[in-house]
Amino acid sequence: MTEHNFASGQCLCGKVHYTISSDPRVMSQCHCDDCRRATGTGHASNAFFKKSDVHISGETSCYATIADSGSTITRYFCPACGSPLFGTLSRLENVLAVAVGSLDDSSWFKPSAQARHATSRNSGTPIAIIRSPTQR
């Protein structure tokens, strides 16, 4: 039986690559200061998968920080080219966030949530999570 690959991706230099064998659980964009700094853009676009469904080849480096919520966020990147690839949150042990920019094809990415946090300077009011009207 062949394994279904939903998506695949890699870092800029190709030393780290991955395949994903399931649909995403959640797709979101975060506009907090930490995510903006980690990506070098105005937000982080992430798709969240069951950790066991993401199969990674190659070695990554990581950097851990404490979020406003008190949870530890660990960001994984390629040690050679620096491409941001994955993230984990200590309170969600079985979930892996995949950086959408590292996907080979992200045409399916449709964020269902926008997150802003009190630390976000470009947000007029502190908002935790805004869900789209289609999400219940």
C-alpha atoms as a PDB file:
ATOM      1  CA  MET A   1       0.000   0.000   0.000  1.00  0.00           C
ATOM      2  CA  THR A   2       1.368   3.436  -0.893  1.00  0.00           C
ATOM      3  CA  GLU A   3       1.462   6.140   1.714  1.00  0.00           C
ATOM      4  CA  HIS A   4      -0.592   9.227   0.896  1.00  0.00           C
ATOM      5  CA  ASN A   5       1.512  12.391   0.849  1.00  0.00           C
ATOM      6  CA  PHE A   6      -0.623  15.464   1.394  1.00  0.00           C
ATOM      7  CA  ALA A   7       2.273  17.909   1.052  1.00  0.00           C
ATOM      8  CA  SER A   8       6.043  18.241   1.002  1.00  0.00           C
ATOM      9  CA  GLY A   9       8.583  20.976   1.510  1.00  0.00           C
ATOM     10  CA  GLN A  10      12.175  21.898   2.176  1.00  0.00           C
ATOM     11  CA  CYS A  11      14.520  24.613   3.301  1.00  0.00           C
ATOM     12  CA  LEU A  12      16.187  27.034   0.876  1.00  0.00           C
ATOM     13  CA  CYS A  13      19.378  24.968   0.482  1.00  0.00           C
ATOM     14  CA  GLY A  14      17.580  21.589   0.375  1.00  0.00           C
ATOM     15  CA  LYS A  15      19.460  19.999   3.294  1.00  0.00           C
ATOM     16  CA  VAL A  16      16.217  19.578   5.267  1.00  0.00           C
ATOM     17  CA  HIS A  17      13.110  18.268   3.562  1.00  0.00           C
ATOM     18  CA  TYR A  18       9.861  16.734   4.727  1.00  0.00           C
ATOM     19  CA  THR A  19       6.631  15.058   3.668  1.00  0.00           C
ATOM     20  CA  ILE A  20       3.239  15.293   5.356  1.00  0.00           C
ATOM     21  CA  SER A  21       0.778  12.409   5.232  1.00  0.00           C
ATOM     22  CA  SER A  22      -2.389  14.119   6.529  1.00  0.00           C
ATOM     23  CA  ASP A  23      -4.533  17.178   6.017  1.00  0.00           C
ATOM     24  CA  PRO A  24      -3.844  20.137   8.342  1.00  0.00           C
ATOM     25  CA  ARG A  25      -5.814  20.422  11.570  1.00  0.00           C
ATOM     26  CA  VAL A  26      -5.685  24.230  11.571  1.00  0.00           C
ATOM     27  CA  MET A  27      -4.234  26.897   9.287  1.00  0.00           C
ATOM     28  CA  SER A  28      -3.424  30.289  10.779  1.00  0.00           C
ATOM     29  CA  GLN A  29      -1.430  33.475  10.639  1.00  0.00           C
ATOM     30  CA  CYS A  30       0.100  35.068  13.732  1.00  0.00           C
ATOM     31  CA  HIS A  31       1.007  38.763  13.915  1.00  0.00           C
ATOM     32  CA  CYS A  32       2.731  38.869  17.325  1.00  0.00           C
ATOM     33  CA  ASP A  33       6.154  40.484  17.661  1.00  0.00           C
ATOM     34  CA  ASP A  34       7.931  37.143  18.165  1.00  0.00           C
ATOM     35  CA  CYS A  35       6.460  35.628  14.983  1.00  0.00           C
ATOM     36  CA  ARG A  36       7.209  38.771  12.978  1.00  0.00           C
ATOM     37  CA  ARG A  37      10.826  38.724  14.140  1.00  0.00           C
ATOM     38  CA  ALA A  38      11.233  34.973  13.619  1.00  0.00           C
ATOM     39  CA  THR A  39      10.023  35.207  10.013  1.00  0.00           C
ATOM     40  CA  GLY A  40      11.279  38.657   9.067  1.00  0.00           C
ATOM     41  CA  THR A  41       7.801  39.476   7.708  1.00  0.00           C
ATOM     42  CA  GLY A  42       4.565  40.970   9.033  1.00  0.00           C
ATOM     43  CA  HIS A  43       3.261  37.610  10.254  1.00  0.00           C
ATOM     44  CA  ALA A  44       3.910  33.874  10.459  1.00  0.00           C
ATOM     45  CA  SER A  45       1.776  31.590   8.265  1.00  0.00           C
ATOM     46  CA  ASN A  46       1.533  28.096   9.735  1.00  0.00           C
ATOM     47  CA  ALA A  47      -0.359  24.893   9.066  1.00  0.00           C
ATOM     48  CA  PHE A  48      -0.734  22.596  12.071  1.00  0.00           C
ATOM     49  CA  PHE A  49      -0.432  18.822  11.698  1.00  0.00           C
ATOM     50  CA  LYS A  50      -0.324  15.762  13.914  1.00  0.00           C
ATOM     51  CA  LYS A  51       3.405  15.498  14.705  1.00  0.00           C
ATOM     52  CA  SER A  52       3.592  11.816  13.707  1.00  0.00           C
ATOM     53  CA  ASP A  53       2.288  12.677  10.204  1.00  0.00           C
ATOM     54  CA  VAL A  54       5.270  14.923   9.378  1.00  0.00           C
ATOM     55  CA  HIS A  55       8.332  12.954   8.226  1.00  0.00           C
ATOM     56  CA  ILE A  56      11.545  15.001   8.345  1.00  0.00           C
ATOM     57  CA  SER A  57      14.883  14.225   6.646  1.00  0.00           C
ATOM     58  CA  GLY A  58      17.960  16.210   7.581  1.00  0.00           C
ATOM     59  CA  GLU A  59      19.073  17.910  10.766  1.00  0.00           C
ATOM     60  CA  THR A  60      17.507  21.052  12.193  1.00  0.00           C
ATOM     61  CA  SER A  61      18.607  23.536  14.819  1.00  0.00           C
ATOM     62  CA  CYS A  62      16.152  25.092  17.242  1.00  0.00           C
ATOM     63  CA  TYR A  63      15.533  28.139  19.380  1.00  0.00           C
ATOM     64  CA  ALA A  64      13.091  28.139  22.318  1.00  0.00           C
ATOM     65  CA  THR A  65      11.282  31.115  23.857  1.00  0.00           C
ATOM     66  CA  ILE A  66       8.519  31.588  26.408  1.00  0.00           C
ATOM     67  CA  ALA A  67       5.277  32.932  24.922  1.00  0.00           C
ATOM     68  CA  ASP A  68       3.019  35.470  26.655  1.00  0.00           C
ATOM     69  CA  SER A  69       0.834  32.484  27.607  1.00  0.00           C
ATOM     70  CA  GLY A  70       3.723  30.906  29.536  1.00  0.00           C
ATOM     71  CA  SER A  71       4.100  28.019  27.078  1.00  0.00           C
ATOM     72  CA  THR A  72       7.466  27.229  25.521  1.00  0.00           C
ATOM     73  CA  ILE A  73       7.600  27.784  21.765  1.00  0.00           C
ATOM     74  CA  THR A  74      10.406  25.950  19.984  1.00  0.00           C
ATOM     75  CA  ARG A  75      11.196  27.072  16.448  1.00  0.00           C
ATOM     76  CA  TYR A  76      13.141  24.715  14.164  1.00  0.00           C
ATOM     77  CA  PHE A  77      15.231  25.941  11.238  1.00  0.00           C
ATOM     78  CA  CYS A  78      17.919  24.736   8.839  1.00  0.00           C
ATOM     79  CA  PRO A  79      21.372  25.262  10.398  1.00  0.00           C
ATOM     80  CA  ALA A  80      22.937  25.827   6.961  1.00  0.00           C
ATOM     81  CA  CYS A  81      20.601  28.370   5.318  1.00  0.00           C
ATOM     82  CA  GLY A  82      18.482  29.536   8.287  1.00  0.00           C
ATOM     83  CA  SER A  83      15.091  28.810   6.699  1.00  0.00           C
ATOM     84  CA  PRO A  84      12.307  28.642   9.310  1.00  0.00           C
ATOM     85  CA  LEU A  85      10.606  25.238   9.002  1.00  0.00           C
ATOM     86  CA  PHE A  86       8.636  24.046  12.035  1.00  0.00           C
ATOM     87  CA  GLY A  87       7.432  25.010  15.472  1.00  0.00           C
ATOM     88  CA  THR A  88       6.118  23.309  18.579  1.00  0.00           C
ATOM     89  CA  LEU A  89       4.192  24.593  21.576  1.00  0.00           C
ATOM     90  CA  SER A  90       4.759  22.855  24.923  1.00  0.00           C
ATOM     91  CA  ARG A  91       1.044  22.665  25.726  1.00  0.00           C
ATOM     92  CA  LEU A  92       0.286  20.901  22.405  1.00  0.00           C
ATOM     93  CA  GLU A  93       2.670  17.937  22.562  1.00  0.00           C
ATOM     94  CA  ASN A  94       1.427  16.051  19.485  1.00  0.00           C
ATOM     95  CA  VAL A  95       1.126  19.035  17.136  1.00  0.00           C
ATOM     96  CA  LEU A  96       3.739  20.405  14.737  1.00  0.00           C
ATOM     97  CA  ALA A  97       3.382  23.786  13.051  1.00  0.00           C
ATOM     98  CA  VAL A  98       4.813  23.816   9.526  1.00  0.00           C
ATOM     99  CA  ALA A  99       5.981  27.134   8.076  1.00  0.00           C
ATOM    100  CA  VAL A 100       3.870  27.609   4.948  1.00  0.00           C
ATOM    101  CA  GLY A 101       6.727  29.367   3.146  1.00  0.00           C
ATOM    102  CA  SER A 102       8.747  26.136   3.218  1.00  0.00           C
ATOM    103  CA  LEU A 103       6.088  24.094   1.383  1.00  0.00           C
ATOM    104  CA  ASP A 104       6.678  23.027  -2.225  1.00  0.00           C
ATOM    105  CA  ASP A 105       3.043  23.939  -3.022  1.00  0.00           C
ATOM    106  CA  SER A 106       1.010  26.078  -0.637  1.00  0.00           C
ATOM    107  CA  SER A 107      -1.942  26.729  -2.954  1.00  0.00           C
ATOM    108  CA  TRP A 108      -4.235  24.858  -0.531  1.00  0.00           C
ATOM    109  CA  PHE A 109      -3.368  27.165   2.401  1.00  0.00           C
ATOM    110  CA  LYS A 110      -6.463  29.055   3.521  1.00  0.00           C
ATOM    111  CA  PRO A 111      -5.987  30.433   7.042  1.00  0.00           C
ATOM    112  CA  SER A 112      -9.016  29.927   9.267  1.00  0.00           C
ATOM    113  CA  ALA A 113      -7.614  31.986  12.145  1.00  0.00           C
ATOM    114  CA  GLN A 114      -5.686  35.227  12.567  1.00  0.00           C
ATOM    115  CA  ALA A 115      -3.845  35.655  15.866  1.00  0.00           C
ATOM    116  CA  ARG A 116      -2.717  38.918  17.404  1.00  0.00           C
ATOM    117  CA  HIS A 117      -1.346  39.269  20.893  1.00  0.00           C
ATOM    118  CA  ALA A 118      -0.960  42.101  23.370  1.00  0.00           C
ATOM    119  CA  THR A 119       2.711  42.341  22.399  1.00  0.00           C
ATOM    120  CA  SER A 120       1.839  43.114  18.773  1.00  0.00           C
ATOM    121  CA  ARG A 121       2.602  46.757  18.057  1.00  0.00           C
ATOM    122  CA  ASN A 122       0.582  46.835  14.837  1.00  0.00           C
ATOM    123  CA  SER A 123      -2.646  45.809  16.588  1.00  0.00           C
ATOM    124  CA  GLY A 124      -4.831  48.594  17.935  1.00  0.00           C
ATOM    125  CA  THR A 125      -6.377  46.396  20.607  1.00  0.00           C
ATOM    126  CA  PRO A 126      -5.116  43.262  22.321  1.00  0.00           C
ATOM    127  CA  ILE A 127      -6.924  40.388  20.632  1.00  0.00           C
ATOM    128  CA  ALA A 128      -6.128  36.734  21.293  1.00  0.00           C
ATOM    129  CA  ILE A 129      -7.582  34.914  18.274  1.00  0.00           C
ATOM    130  CA  ILE A 130      -9.987  35.988  15.575  1.00  0.00           C
ATOM    131  CA  ARG A 131     -11.671  33.109  13.769  1.00  0.00           C
ATOM    132  CA  SER A 132     -13.240  33.370  10.358  1.00  0.00           C
ATOM    133  CA  PRO A 133     -17.069  33.462  10.190  1.00  0.00           C
ATOM    134  CA  THR A 134     -17.082  29.978   8.637  1.00  0.00           C
ATOM    135  CA  GLN A 135     -15.389  28.405  11.656  1.00  0.00           C
ATOM    136  CA  ARG A 136     -17.531  27.381  14.632  1.00  0.00           C
END
